[in-house]
Amino acid sequence: MTIVFVNGVPVTSAVWTPLINELSTSEQRETVLLSPPGFGVPLPSGFGATFVDYRDWLIDELSRFEAPVDLVGHDFGGGYVLEVAMTRPDLLRSWVSDTIGGYEPDFTWHEIAKLWQTPGDGERHVEELFSGTVEERAARMVDWGIPEPAAREVALGQGPQMGKAILALYRSVPRAVLIERGLDLPAAAARPGLVPVATEDHTAGSVVLRHRAARRAGARAVDLDGLGHWWMLQDPARTARMLSGFWNGL
């Protein structure tokens, strides 16, 4: 069985390295990192970088595996994971997503997301965010809560292509689209699911909202008290135990 990790915004697969190092001591299985186009790998010509485009990209990638996988997603990567769970459960043995709260009708986007969804303001913000040297971009990621050395590894993959992808992605999912997609959330119960609920993550909806969404998806929710948006980097040993316990119980 293979474990597949999908990163989100505005980062690369480097955010998974400490967690995978911890898992290597308990999970003697192959791990695969799938970086969404524009987020650590080039943005192909003609790729629209919409939410549906990324969902279809992930389905295509997973279709290449010989057997169903254990799929783990963070941030927008968690959204793609849920889309696969709802539409192609045959590709999965299990799924893990920390962004399930976005599928609740009373979810609201965080302030930076609203900025990126605003024409003009969004362009100016991503240009500033991804400007300068690697060291300057890494310092901004540290300010965002990403510790070193992951911050520098992430900064190496940032640039205009990532900025372009971010704007297209966020503008493709206004609240009305999320509410519509959320109607299908119970379909994710076709495969076992786990929802890490980092209690200090203020971008993913309230703790109550995330637990409610997990119940609708038939998933197990686990509170990660004191951890924030970058839970896999803040305490990789703790999160590795959480994941291994989930998989061992399947």
Foldseek 3Di string as FASTA:
>chain_A
DEEEEEEDPDFFQLLQVVLVVLLVVPDVHHYYYDYFDLHQHHNDPPQLLALVSSLVVVVVVLVPDPAAYEYEYADSRLVSQLVCLLPPVRNHQEYEHAQLLLLDLPDDADPLLVQLLDPPSLVVVLCVQLDDDLVVNLVVVVVVVFDPPRSSVGNVSDDDSSSSSSSSHSNNCDSVNSPVVSVSLCSSLVHEYEHEHECAAPRRDHPVSSVVSCVSNVYHYDYPYPDYSSNCRVCSNVVSVVVSVVVVVD
